[in-house]
N, C-alpha and C. Protein backbone atom coordinates (compact mmCIF):
# COMPACT_ATOMS: atom_id res chain seq x y z
N UNK A 1 231.75 -75.20 64.14
CA UNK A 1 230.44 -74.63 62.84
C UNK A 1 229.80 -73.60 63.49
N UNK A 2 229.87 -72.35 62.48
CA UNK A 2 229.16 -71.24 62.61
C UNK A 2 228.03 -71.24 62.29
N UNK A 3 227.23 -70.49 63.26
CA UNK A 3 225.95 -70.06 63.56
C UNK A 3 225.62 -69.07 62.61
N UNK A 4 224.44 -69.00 62.15
CA UNK A 4 223.53 -68.43 61.43
C UNK A 4 222.59 -67.53 62.17
N UNK A 5 222.47 -66.10 62.17
CA UNK A 5 221.01 -66.07 62.63
C UNK A 5 220.51 -65.78 61.38
N UNK A 6 218.89 -66.12 61.01
CA UNK A 6 217.98 -66.45 60.30
C UNK A 6 217.09 -65.35 60.56
N UNK A 7 216.61 -64.06 60.49
CA UNK A 7 215.17 -63.75 60.80
C UNK A 7 213.99 -63.98 59.88
N UNK A 8 213.56 -64.29 60.20
CA UNK A 8 211.90 -64.73 59.42
C UNK A 8 210.99 -63.53 60.18
N UNK A 9 210.55 -63.05 59.06
CA UNK A 9 209.85 -62.13 58.95
C UNK A 9 208.03 -62.83 59.60
N UNK A 10 207.51 -62.03 60.34
CA UNK A 10 206.34 -62.48 61.01
C UNK A 10 205.22 -61.73 59.53
N UNK A 11 204.80 -63.01 59.80
CA UNK A 11 203.50 -62.71 58.15
C UNK A 11 202.85 -61.55 58.62
N UNK A 12 202.63 -60.82 58.07
CA UNK A 12 201.41 -59.69 57.69
C UNK A 12 201.23 -59.12 57.20
N UNK A 13 199.98 -58.92 57.01
CA UNK A 13 199.09 -58.51 55.83
C UNK A 13 198.79 -57.12 55.67
N UNK A 14 199.51 -56.57 54.54
CA UNK A 14 199.33 -55.07 54.72
C UNK A 14 198.26 -54.96 53.87
N UNK A 15 197.22 -53.76 54.12
CA UNK A 15 196.38 -53.83 53.20
C UNK A 15 196.13 -52.20 53.36
N UNK A 16 195.77 -51.29 52.34
CA UNK A 16 194.94 -49.79 52.74
C UNK A 16 194.33 -50.00 53.58
N UNK A 17 194.39 -48.64 54.02
CA UNK A 17 193.07 -48.21 54.95
C UNK A 17 191.76 -48.33 53.68
N UNK A 18 191.03 -48.99 54.56
CA UNK A 18 189.68 -49.39 54.47
C UNK A 18 188.49 -49.69 55.02
N UNK A 19 187.48 -49.37 55.30
CA UNK A 19 186.30 -49.78 55.65
C UNK A 19 185.29 -50.74 54.78
N UNK A 20 185.50 -51.84 55.35
CA UNK A 20 184.93 -52.55 54.17
C UNK A 20 183.13 -52.60 54.59
N UNK A 21 182.26 -53.03 53.86
CA UNK A 21 181.17 -52.87 53.85
C UNK A 21 180.73 -51.58 54.14
N UNK A 22 181.32 -50.70 53.51
CA UNK A 22 180.82 -49.19 53.82
C UNK A 22 179.88 -48.65 52.72
N UNK A 23 179.06 -48.23 52.73
CA UNK A 23 178.10 -47.68 51.44
C UNK A 23 178.34 -46.48 51.82
N UNK A 24 178.29 -45.85 51.02
CA UNK A 24 177.74 -44.14 51.20
C UNK A 24 175.99 -43.65 50.90
N UNK A 25 175.38 -43.28 51.69
CA UNK A 25 174.26 -43.15 51.34
C UNK A 25 173.73 -41.81 51.27
N UNK A 26 173.12 -41.41 50.57
CA UNK A 26 172.42 -40.29 50.07
C UNK A 26 171.68 -39.58 51.10
N UNK A 27 170.84 -38.62 50.63
CA UNK A 27 170.35 -37.49 51.36
C UNK A 27 169.14 -38.32 51.88
N UNK A 28 168.46 -39.26 51.30
CA UNK A 28 167.29 -39.78 51.45
C UNK A 28 167.54 -41.07 52.69
N UNK A 29 168.76 -41.51 52.77
CA UNK A 29 168.94 -42.42 54.04
C UNK A 29 169.38 -41.33 54.85
N UNK A 30 170.18 -40.18 54.62
CA UNK A 30 170.59 -39.42 55.93
C UNK A 30 168.98 -38.83 56.48
N UNK A 31 168.22 -38.46 55.42
CA UNK A 31 166.64 -37.99 56.11
C UNK A 31 165.76 -39.42 56.96
N UNK A 32 165.87 -40.38 56.16
CA UNK A 32 165.32 -41.15 57.29
C UNK A 32 165.63 -41.80 58.14
N UNK A 33 167.05 -42.28 58.55
CA UNK A 33 167.57 -42.31 59.70
C UNK A 33 168.23 -41.76 60.45
N UNK A 34 168.53 -40.59 60.47
CA UNK A 34 168.52 -39.65 61.67
C UNK A 34 170.04 -39.16 62.08
N UNK A 35 170.35 -38.71 62.89
CA UNK A 35 171.08 -38.29 63.27
C UNK A 35 172.55 -39.35 63.03
N UNK A 36 172.56 -39.94 62.90
CA UNK A 36 173.99 -40.97 63.46
C UNK A 36 174.35 -40.39 61.13
N UNK A 37 173.36 -40.04 60.42
CA UNK A 37 173.78 -40.38 59.30
C UNK A 37 174.46 -38.92 58.79
N UNK A 38 173.54 -38.03 59.19
CA UNK A 38 173.69 -36.32 59.76
C UNK A 38 175.53 -36.39 59.83
N UNK A 39 175.34 -36.93 61.13
CA UNK A 39 176.42 -36.63 61.61
C UNK A 39 177.84 -37.15 60.77
N UNK A 40 177.86 -38.53 60.51
CA UNK A 40 179.18 -38.95 59.79
C UNK A 40 178.72 -38.62 58.19
N UNK A 41 177.76 -38.26 57.46
CA UNK A 41 177.39 -37.76 55.98
C UNK A 41 177.26 -39.51 55.31
N UNK A 42 177.10 -40.80 56.47
CA UNK A 42 177.16 -41.69 55.47
C UNK A 42 176.78 -43.10 56.60
N UNK A 43 176.14 -44.06 56.10
CA UNK A 43 176.18 -45.00 57.13
C UNK A 43 176.15 -46.42 56.40
N UNK A 44 176.87 -47.05 56.87
CA UNK A 44 177.30 -48.46 56.96
C UNK A 44 176.18 -49.30 56.50
N UNK A 45 176.20 -50.68 55.88
CA UNK A 45 174.80 -51.27 55.95
C UNK A 45 174.55 -51.88 57.72
N UNK A 46 175.77 -51.78 58.47
CA UNK A 46 175.17 -52.45 59.84
C UNK A 46 174.48 -51.11 60.31
N UNK A 47 174.82 -50.39 60.39
CA UNK A 47 174.38 -49.15 60.62
C UNK A 47 172.60 -48.98 60.12
N UNK A 48 172.27 -49.03 59.16
CA UNK A 48 171.09 -49.43 58.73
C UNK A 48 170.28 -50.63 59.34
N UNK A 49 171.09 -51.69 58.97
CA UNK A 49 170.40 -53.01 59.58
C UNK A 49 170.42 -52.41 61.28
N UNK A 50 171.09 -52.11 62.14
CA UNK A 50 170.50 -51.94 63.53
C UNK A 50 169.37 -50.22 63.60
N UNK A 51 169.43 -49.67 62.66
CA UNK A 51 168.30 -48.94 62.58
C UNK A 51 166.95 -49.53 62.93
N UNK A 52 167.00 -50.25 61.48
CA UNK A 52 165.88 -51.32 60.93
C UNK A 52 165.12 -51.48 61.74
N UNK A 53 166.01 -52.77 62.58
CA UNK A 53 165.69 -53.69 63.84
C UNK A 53 165.50 -52.88 64.80
N UNK A 54 165.72 -51.44 65.23
CA UNK A 54 165.43 -51.05 66.30
C UNK A 54 163.54 -50.12 65.78
N UNK A 55 163.58 -50.37 64.57
CA UNK A 55 162.23 -49.72 64.24
C UNK A 55 162.57 -48.07 63.94
N UNK A 56 161.10 -47.39 63.30
CA UNK A 56 161.39 -45.98 63.11
C UNK A 56 159.91 -45.10 63.70
N UNK A 57 160.17 -44.14 64.09
CA UNK A 57 158.76 -43.65 64.57
C UNK A 57 158.02 -42.88 63.75
N UNK A 58 156.83 -42.83 63.51
CA UNK A 58 155.82 -42.31 62.75
C UNK A 58 155.92 -41.09 62.36
N UNK A 59 156.84 -40.44 62.90
CA UNK A 59 157.13 -39.44 62.50
C UNK A 59 158.31 -39.33 60.73
N UNK A 60 159.27 -40.17 61.37
CA UNK A 60 160.27 -40.86 60.31
C UNK A 60 159.48 -40.80 59.64
N UNK A 61 158.58 -42.07 59.41
CA UNK A 61 158.10 -42.27 58.21
C UNK A 61 157.58 -41.87 57.41
N UNK A 62 156.35 -40.79 58.30
CA UNK A 62 156.02 -39.61 57.28
C UNK A 62 156.68 -38.99 56.64
N UNK A 63 157.96 -38.29 57.03
CA UNK A 63 159.07 -37.65 56.53
C UNK A 63 159.05 -38.13 55.13
N UNK A 64 159.50 -39.80 55.40
CA UNK A 64 159.83 -40.18 54.01
C UNK A 64 159.05 -40.14 52.86
N UNK A 65 158.15 -40.59 53.34
CA UNK A 65 156.57 -40.30 52.22
C UNK A 65 156.70 -39.51 52.10
N UNK A 66 156.77 -38.18 52.33
CA UNK A 66 156.34 -36.81 51.98
C UNK A 66 157.71 -36.47 50.98
N UNK A 67 158.83 -37.18 51.33
CA UNK A 67 160.34 -36.41 50.39
C UNK A 67 160.28 -36.84 49.10
N UNK A 68 159.54 -38.54 49.27
CA UNK A 68 159.68 -39.33 47.76
C UNK A 68 158.34 -39.25 47.37
N UNK A 69 157.21 -38.18 47.95
CA UNK A 69 156.05 -37.65 47.48
C UNK A 69 154.84 -39.09 47.12
N UNK A 70 155.06 -39.46 47.95
CA UNK A 70 153.96 -40.53 48.32
C UNK A 70 152.88 -40.34 49.13
N UNK A 71 151.38 -40.45 48.59
CA UNK A 71 150.20 -40.52 49.30
C UNK A 71 150.23 -41.31 50.64
N UNK A 72 149.70 -41.03 51.69
CA UNK A 72 149.51 -41.65 52.90
C UNK A 72 148.31 -43.30 52.40
N UNK A 73 147.64 -43.16 51.59
CA UNK A 73 147.64 -44.13 50.91
C UNK A 73 148.20 -45.29 49.89
N UNK A 74 149.18 -44.48 49.25
CA UNK A 74 150.42 -44.83 48.50
C UNK A 74 151.00 -45.77 49.25
N UNK A 75 151.51 -45.06 50.54
CA UNK A 75 152.16 -45.08 51.77
C UNK A 75 152.11 -46.60 52.39
N UNK A 76 150.49 -46.56 52.71
CA UNK A 76 150.10 -47.42 53.57
C UNK A 76 149.91 -48.84 52.88
N UNK A 77 149.92 -48.61 51.45
CA UNK A 77 149.83 -50.12 50.49
C UNK A 77 151.07 -50.10 50.48
N UNK A 78 151.80 -49.48 50.63
CA UNK A 78 153.46 -50.44 50.15
C UNK A 78 153.77 -50.86 51.75
N UNK A 79 153.32 -50.66 52.53
CA UNK A 79 154.11 -50.67 53.97
C UNK A 79 152.60 -52.01 54.56
N UNK A 80 151.93 -52.47 53.78
CA UNK A 80 150.94 -53.36 54.15
C UNK A 80 150.29 -52.79 55.95
N UNK A 81 149.74 -51.58 55.87
CA UNK A 81 148.85 -51.21 56.87
C UNK A 81 148.21 -50.63 56.84
N UNK A 82 146.69 -50.25 57.29
CA UNK A 82 146.19 -49.49 57.12
C UNK A 82 146.15 -48.19 56.95
N UNK A 83 145.46 -47.38 56.47
CA UNK A 83 146.04 -45.76 56.64
C UNK A 83 144.89 -45.40 58.14
N UNK A 84 143.61 -45.99 58.55
CA UNK A 84 143.41 -45.64 59.75
C UNK A 84 144.41 -46.10 60.77
N UNK A 85 145.18 -47.49 60.70
CA UNK A 85 145.94 -47.65 61.79
C UNK A 85 147.16 -46.60 61.75
N UNK A 86 147.77 -46.34 60.31
CA UNK A 86 148.96 -45.45 60.51
C UNK A 86 148.31 -44.23 61.15
N UNK A 87 147.11 -43.41 61.06
CA UNK A 87 146.78 -42.60 61.50
C UNK A 87 146.74 -42.35 63.00
N UNK A 88 146.41 -43.91 63.66
CA UNK A 88 146.56 -43.65 65.24
C UNK A 88 147.40 -43.46 65.99
N UNK A 89 148.84 -43.97 65.57
CA UNK A 89 149.85 -43.48 66.12
C UNK A 89 150.75 -42.55 66.25
N UNK A 90 150.88 -42.05 67.46
CA UNK A 90 151.49 -40.21 67.76
C UNK A 90 152.35 -40.73 66.79
N UNK A 91 153.24 -39.17 66.60
CA UNK A 91 154.26 -38.86 65.92
C UNK A 91 155.72 -39.68 66.53
N UNK A 92 155.55 -39.93 67.55
CA UNK A 92 156.91 -40.44 68.21
C UNK A 92 156.88 -41.73 68.61
N UNK A 93 155.76 -42.42 68.27
CA UNK A 93 155.49 -43.95 68.60
C UNK A 93 156.68 -44.77 67.50
N UNK A 94 157.46 -45.75 67.77
CA UNK A 94 157.77 -46.61 67.19
C UNK A 94 156.89 -47.78 66.27
N UNK A 95 157.14 -47.90 65.25
CA UNK A 95 156.16 -48.66 64.58
C UNK A 95 156.92 -49.98 64.37
N UNK A 96 156.50 -50.99 64.17
CA UNK A 96 157.01 -52.12 63.97
C UNK A 96 158.34 -52.63 63.18
N UNK A 97 159.02 -53.33 63.48
CA UNK A 97 159.91 -53.34 62.46
C UNK A 97 159.90 -53.73 61.11
N UNK A 98 159.26 -54.36 61.12
CA UNK A 98 158.49 -54.68 59.39
C UNK A 98 158.27 -53.86 58.59
N UNK A 99 157.67 -52.89 59.55
CA UNK A 99 157.59 -51.79 58.60
C UNK A 99 158.91 -50.69 57.88
N UNK A 100 159.75 -50.85 59.18
CA UNK A 100 160.63 -50.42 59.56
C UNK A 100 161.68 -50.71 57.80
N UNK A 101 161.70 -52.41 57.63
CA UNK A 101 162.34 -52.90 56.72
C UNK A 101 161.81 -52.55 55.25
N UNK A 102 160.75 -52.33 55.25
CA UNK A 102 160.01 -51.77 53.96
C UNK A 102 160.52 -50.12 53.84
N UNK A 103 160.64 -49.65 54.62
CA UNK A 103 161.01 -48.21 54.46
C UNK A 103 162.18 -48.30 53.80
N UNK A 104 162.88 -49.16 54.73
CA UNK A 104 164.91 -48.68 53.85
C UNK A 104 164.94 -49.17 52.77
N UNK A 105 163.86 -50.21 52.10
CA UNK A 105 163.76 -50.42 50.79
C UNK A 105 163.47 -49.30 49.92
N UNK A 106 162.38 -48.94 50.42
CA UNK A 106 161.76 -47.55 49.33
C UNK A 106 163.02 -46.40 49.59
N UNK A 107 163.63 -46.50 50.72
CA UNK A 107 164.74 -45.32 50.77
C UNK A 107 165.94 -45.74 49.79
N UNK A 108 166.29 -47.06 49.69
CA UNK A 108 167.39 -47.15 48.36
C UNK A 108 166.52 -47.62 47.45
N UNK A 109 165.75 -47.65 46.86
CA UNK A 109 165.24 -47.71 45.89
C UNK A 109 164.95 -45.94 45.20
N UNK A 110 164.47 -45.08 46.14
CA UNK A 110 164.71 -43.86 45.69
C UNK A 110 165.98 -43.31 45.91
N UNK A 111 166.84 -43.79 46.46
CA UNK A 111 168.21 -43.29 46.04
C UNK A 111 168.90 -43.93 44.80
N UNK A 112 168.68 -44.77 44.70
CA UNK A 112 168.98 -45.38 43.41
C UNK A 112 168.81 -45.16 41.94
N UNK A 113 166.85 -44.65 42.39
CA UNK A 113 166.48 -44.14 41.28
C UNK A 113 166.91 -42.67 40.69
N UNK A 114 167.25 -41.62 42.06
CA UNK A 114 167.81 -40.47 41.59
C UNK A 114 169.26 -40.70 41.12
N UNK A 115 169.99 -41.97 41.52
CA UNK A 115 171.45 -42.01 40.59
C UNK A 115 171.03 -42.13 39.21
N UNK A 116 170.50 -43.19 39.16
CA UNK A 116 170.00 -43.39 37.37
C UNK A 116 169.41 -42.22 36.80
N UNK A 117 168.84 -41.49 37.60
CA UNK A 117 167.85 -40.16 36.64
C UNK A 117 168.35 -38.75 36.89
N UNK A 118 169.13 -39.16 37.73
CA UNK A 118 170.14 -37.52 38.22
C UNK A 118 169.29 -36.55 38.76
N UNK A 119 167.97 -37.17 39.20
CA UNK A 119 167.19 -35.84 39.75
C UNK A 119 166.18 -36.86 40.66
N UNK A 120 165.90 -36.29 41.74
CA UNK A 120 164.78 -37.19 42.38
C UNK A 120 163.43 -36.99 41.80
N UNK A 121 163.19 -35.18 41.28
CA UNK A 121 161.72 -35.16 40.86
C UNK A 121 161.78 -35.87 39.77
N UNK A 122 162.65 -36.21 38.64
CA UNK A 122 162.60 -37.14 37.93
C UNK A 122 161.70 -38.34 38.35
N UNK A 123 162.57 -38.85 38.64
CA UNK A 123 162.63 -40.23 39.06
C UNK A 123 160.97 -40.22 39.82
N UNK A 124 160.48 -39.32 40.76
CA UNK A 124 159.34 -39.53 41.31
C UNK A 124 158.34 -39.38 39.95
N UNK A 125 158.32 -38.68 39.16
CA UNK A 125 157.49 -38.45 37.78
C UNK A 125 157.51 -40.15 37.27
N UNK A 126 158.34 -40.51 36.98
CA UNK A 126 158.93 -41.94 36.44
C UNK A 126 157.76 -43.02 36.97
N UNK A 127 158.19 -43.05 38.18
CA UNK A 127 157.39 -43.88 39.27
C UNK A 127 155.64 -44.01 39.51
N UNK A 128 155.21 -42.64 38.83
CA UNK A 128 154.08 -42.25 38.78
C UNK A 128 153.70 -42.87 37.27
N UNK A 129 154.03 -43.07 36.31
CA UNK A 129 154.28 -42.66 34.87
C UNK A 129 153.59 -44.02 34.63
N UNK A 130 152.20 -44.94 34.41
CA UNK A 130 152.19 -46.06 33.37
C UNK A 130 153.31 -46.48 32.59
N UNK A 131 154.22 -47.65 32.79
CA UNK A 131 154.89 -48.21 31.69
C UNK A 131 154.59 -48.98 31.05
N UNK A 132 155.05 -49.75 29.55
CA UNK A 132 154.65 -50.52 29.34
C UNK A 132 155.46 -52.15 29.61
N UNK A 133 156.73 -51.95 30.23
CA UNK A 133 157.55 -52.88 30.35
C UNK A 133 156.65 -53.75 31.69
N UNK A 134 155.56 -52.84 32.60
CA UNK A 134 155.27 -53.30 33.92
C UNK A 134 153.98 -53.43 33.49
N UNK A 135 153.13 -53.60 32.29
CA UNK A 135 152.15 -53.83 31.42
C UNK A 135 150.98 -53.07 31.75
N UNK A 136 151.42 -51.58 31.79
CA UNK A 136 150.78 -50.43 31.83
C UNK A 136 150.35 -49.67 33.09
N UNK A 137 151.44 -50.33 34.34
CA UNK A 137 151.13 -49.92 35.76
C UNK A 137 152.32 -48.64 35.77
N UNK A 138 151.83 -48.15 36.40
CA UNK A 138 153.28 -47.35 37.25
C UNK A 138 154.04 -48.21 37.90
N UNK A 139 155.50 -48.00 38.39
CA UNK A 139 156.11 -48.75 39.31
C UNK A 139 155.96 -48.59 40.75
N UNK A 140 155.42 -47.47 40.80
CA UNK A 140 155.05 -47.15 42.31
C UNK A 140 153.65 -48.38 42.68
N UNK A 141 152.97 -48.94 41.76
CA UNK A 141 151.73 -49.71 42.31
C UNK A 141 152.68 -51.19 42.37
N UNK A 142 153.89 -51.25 42.13
CA UNK A 142 154.41 -52.52 42.42
C UNK A 142 154.86 -52.78 43.66
N UNK A 143 155.26 -51.66 44.22
CA UNK A 143 155.94 -51.67 45.76
C UNK A 143 155.37 -52.30 47.11
N UNK A 144 154.20 -53.00 46.57
CA UNK A 144 153.48 -53.57 47.62
C UNK A 144 154.26 -54.89 48.00
N UNK A 145 155.03 -55.42 47.15
CA UNK A 145 155.49 -56.94 47.36
C UNK A 145 157.30 -56.99 47.10
N UNK A 146 157.93 -57.75 47.57
CA UNK A 146 159.27 -58.21 47.05
C UNK A 146 159.85 -57.96 45.89
N UNK A 147 158.73 -58.69 45.58
CA UNK A 147 159.17 -59.27 43.73
C UNK A 147 159.03 -57.55 43.16
N UNK A 148 158.08 -56.97 43.04
CA UNK A 148 157.88 -55.57 42.95
C UNK A 148 158.67 -54.71 42.97
N UNK A 149 159.60 -54.74 43.81
CA UNK A 149 160.56 -53.71 44.13
C UNK A 149 161.90 -54.35 43.37
N UNK A 150 162.16 -55.55 43.15
CA UNK A 150 162.83 -56.34 42.42
C UNK A 150 162.86 -55.69 40.84
N UNK A 151 161.62 -56.00 40.61
CA UNK A 151 161.12 -55.61 39.13
C UNK A 151 161.48 -53.89 38.77
N UNK A 152 161.08 -53.45 39.89
CA UNK A 152 161.62 -51.79 39.48
C UNK A 152 162.85 -51.78 39.45
N UNK A 153 164.07 -52.09 40.67
CA UNK A 153 165.52 -52.39 40.66
C UNK A 153 166.10 -52.56 39.24
N UNK A 154 165.38 -53.66 38.85
CA UNK A 154 165.93 -54.11 37.38
C UNK A 154 165.81 -52.98 36.29
N UNK A 155 164.54 -52.87 36.44
CA UNK A 155 164.12 -52.17 34.83
C UNK A 155 165.22 -50.83 35.11
N UNK A 156 165.57 -50.07 36.30
CA UNK A 156 166.42 -49.23 36.58
C UNK A 156 167.71 -49.49 36.18
N UNK A 157 168.29 -50.78 36.25
CA UNK A 157 169.57 -51.11 35.63
C UNK A 157 169.69 -50.88 34.40
N UNK A 158 168.43 -51.68 33.87
CA UNK A 158 168.45 -51.70 32.41
C UNK A 158 168.76 -49.98 31.70
N UNK A 159 167.79 -49.40 32.22
CA UNK A 159 167.86 -47.80 31.90
C UNK A 159 169.20 -47.36 32.00
N UNK A 160 169.53 -47.39 33.35
CA UNK A 160 171.25 -47.39 33.55
C UNK A 160 172.24 -47.83 31.89
N UNK A 161 171.97 -48.55 31.59
CA UNK A 161 173.07 -49.39 30.61
C UNK A 161 172.25 -49.18 29.43
N UNK A 162 171.10 -48.59 29.26
CA UNK A 162 170.49 -47.91 27.83
C UNK A 162 169.87 -49.42 27.30
N UNK A 163 169.33 -50.18 28.09
CA UNK A 163 168.65 -51.41 27.37
C UNK A 163 167.31 -51.16 27.62
N UNK A 164 166.41 -50.98 26.72
CA UNK A 164 164.93 -50.84 26.60
C UNK A 164 164.14 -51.75 26.12
N UNK A 165 162.63 -51.98 26.93
CA UNK A 165 162.31 -53.23 26.50
C UNK A 165 161.68 -52.68 25.14
């Protein structure tokens, strides 16, 4: 009897080289989240998660507020912290992680708004303008709740696709 040698290929999945879960983040994330983003010019969702868990310094949070043109009062209302308490922190103090999460949401929203409007300045104006769909309230006034963030994100999607109320 003749013996045959059968080569059975090893099961192997070939995929193009990609990084799963990688989402590039524009300038607001880079400014908010510091040297990691600037060094690689992107941050993955896990990098953002790690940074939020570690918390941000008051200096970083105030830089974000300035970049997106929020007053101290507006920023404090969104963060659910009193203005006075926020003022008491030293610039290098790490502020609680729950505030870091809100800061990440703000950066995501303003990054998305910049994409939809084509300009951060145009988006900042829209955020402070009373809008009929929000019952005459400015979108920035809705950001004190996660539901408000969601409403603004949904409206950005409608604007992007040309669906107006």
